[in-house]
Structures are given as C-alpha cells and as structure tokens.
Protein backbone atom coordinates (compact mmCIF):
# COMPACT_ATOMS: atom_id res chain seq x y z
CA MET A 1 -18.57 6.99 -31.95
CA THR A 2 -16.92 5.50 -29.82
CA ASP A 3 -16.95 1.55 -28.71
CA THR A 4 -17.27 0.75 -24.66
CA THR A 5 -16.88 -2.73 -25.00
CA PRO A 6 -14.86 -4.19 -21.91
CA GLU A 7 -11.95 -5.60 -24.55
CA THR A 8 -11.16 -1.60 -25.81
CA THR A 9 -10.77 0.08 -22.02
CA PRO A 10 -7.36 -0.15 -22.00
CA VAL A 11 -5.98 -2.26 -19.41
CA ILE A 12 -4.75 -1.13 -15.58
CA ALA A 13 -2.30 -2.69 -13.92
CA LEU A 14 -3.72 -5.18 -10.98
CA PRO A 15 -3.25 -3.06 -6.78
CA ASP A 16 -1.47 -5.38 -4.67
CA ARG A 17 -4.77 -5.36 -2.83
CA LEU A 18 -8.19 -4.50 -3.65
CA SER A 19 -11.88 -4.52 -2.42
CA ILE A 20 -14.84 -4.68 -4.05
CA ASP A 21 -16.84 -2.54 -1.20
CA PRO A 22 -16.79 1.02 -2.25
CA ARG A 23 -16.48 2.15 1.64
CA SER A 24 -13.00 0.63 1.44
CA PRO A 25 -9.70 2.47 1.11
CA HIS A 26 -8.40 0.11 -1.16
CA PHE A 27 -11.83 0.00 -4.04
CA ASN A 28 -10.55 1.02 -7.30
CA ALA A 29 -13.04 1.59 -9.89
CA ALA A 30 -11.34 1.99 -12.21
CA VAL A 31 -9.99 -1.96 -12.08
CA PHE A 32 -13.75 -3.44 -12.39
CA GLU A 33 -14.47 -1.87 -15.53
CA ARG A 34 -12.91 -5.21 -16.51
CA ASP A 35 -13.65 -8.62 -15.29
CA VAL A 36 -11.03 -9.53 -12.05
CA GLY A 37 -10.18 -12.82 -11.18
CA ILE A 38 -8.27 -14.17 -8.30
CA ARG A 39 -6.95 -17.62 -7.92
CA LEU A 40 -6.20 -18.88 -4.15
CA ASN A 41 -3.47 -22.06 -4.29
CA ASP A 42 -4.05 -22.55 -8.23
CA LYS A 43 -8.16 -22.86 -7.19
CA GLU A 44 -10.21 -20.10 -8.81
CA ARG A 45 -12.35 -18.63 -6.45
CA LEU A 46 -15.56 -16.73 -7.44
CA ASP A 47 -16.72 -14.82 -3.66
CA VAL A 48 -13.55 -13.06 -3.09
CA GLU A 49 -14.45 -10.04 -1.71
CA GLU A 50 -11.08 -8.44 -0.51
CA TYR A 51 -7.58 -9.72 -1.26
CA CYS A 52 -3.65 -8.79 -0.46
CA ILE A 53 -1.24 -10.75 -2.78
CA SER A 54 2.01 -9.51 -1.01
CA GLU A 55 1.04 -10.34 2.24
CA GLY A 56 -0.60 -14.13 0.59
CA TRP A 57 -4.74 -13.85 1.38
CA ILE A 58 -8.40 -13.42 0.85
CA LYS A 59 -11.97 -12.46 2.54
CA VAL A 60 -15.05 -13.96 1.48
CA PRO A 61 -18.33 -13.83 3.22
CA ALA A 62 -18.88 -16.72 5.60
CA GLY A 63 -21.80 -17.83 4.31
CA LYS A 64 -25.56 -15.96 5.16
CA THR A 65 -23.98 -14.79 8.34
CA LEU A 66 -24.38 -10.63 8.57
CA ASP A 67 -22.75 -7.73 11.05
CA ARG A 68 -25.01 -6.12 13.21
CA LYS A 69 -25.44 -3.66 10.01
CA GLY A 70 -26.07 -6.09 7.50
CA HIS A 71 -22.75 -6.16 5.63
CA PRO A 72 -21.65 -10.04 6.02
CA LEU A 73 -18.93 -11.67 7.89
CA LEU A 74 -15.24 -11.98 6.16
CA LEU A 75 -13.07 -14.99 6.86
CA LYS A 76 -9.61 -14.54 5.93
CA LEU A 77 -8.18 -17.30 3.79
CA LYS A 78 -4.29 -17.56 3.84
CA GLY A 79 -2.28 -18.45 0.48
CA LYS A 80 -1.03 -18.02 -2.30
CA VAL A 81 -3.06 -15.87 -3.77
CA GLU A 82 -2.99 -14.42 -8.00
CA ALA A 83 -5.33 -11.80 -9.72
CA PHE A 84 -5.52 -11.65 -12.98
CA TYR A 85 -8.00 -10.16 -15.76
CA ARG A 86 -10.24 -13.20 -17.50
C-alpha cells in the first residue's frame, strides 16, 4: 500500500514563474500537489493567480470583474516576491 499524503510526496523546487490557470504555459500541475504560499513585501497573499520571482510581480483578481470570456480580470502588483511550500 502506498501513502499519498502531502508529507510523503517528493518536493519539487518552485519555479521562477508559476500560474494556477491550466491554459497558461507557466502552469505546472506537479507543483500544486502540495500547498504553495506566496508573500509580497513580507505579507502573505491568498489570492495570487500568477507570480514571477525574478521580475518581482504577482497577478491577483480585480474583485468580481470578469472579461468577455468569463475569466477574472487580473491586476499586477509589484514588490519583493517569495514563494514557499506550506
């Protein structure tokens, strides 16, 4: 019998850029087997859709606003970005 709890899954290094949208070229399903956390300017954010550590930005939804295809509009916030496993 195999144990599939998050503590026993192999830890994959977090990429420089990651998106939660499966349509994005920066989506990586293997990373999301564990819970990923993001800090922007030393404050943890829970609403991050995409991030880039080297360029120093995150994208978050702009409230409940949707585009014409039904996807949330995203705002880009800049600052010091840190990604970590919880």
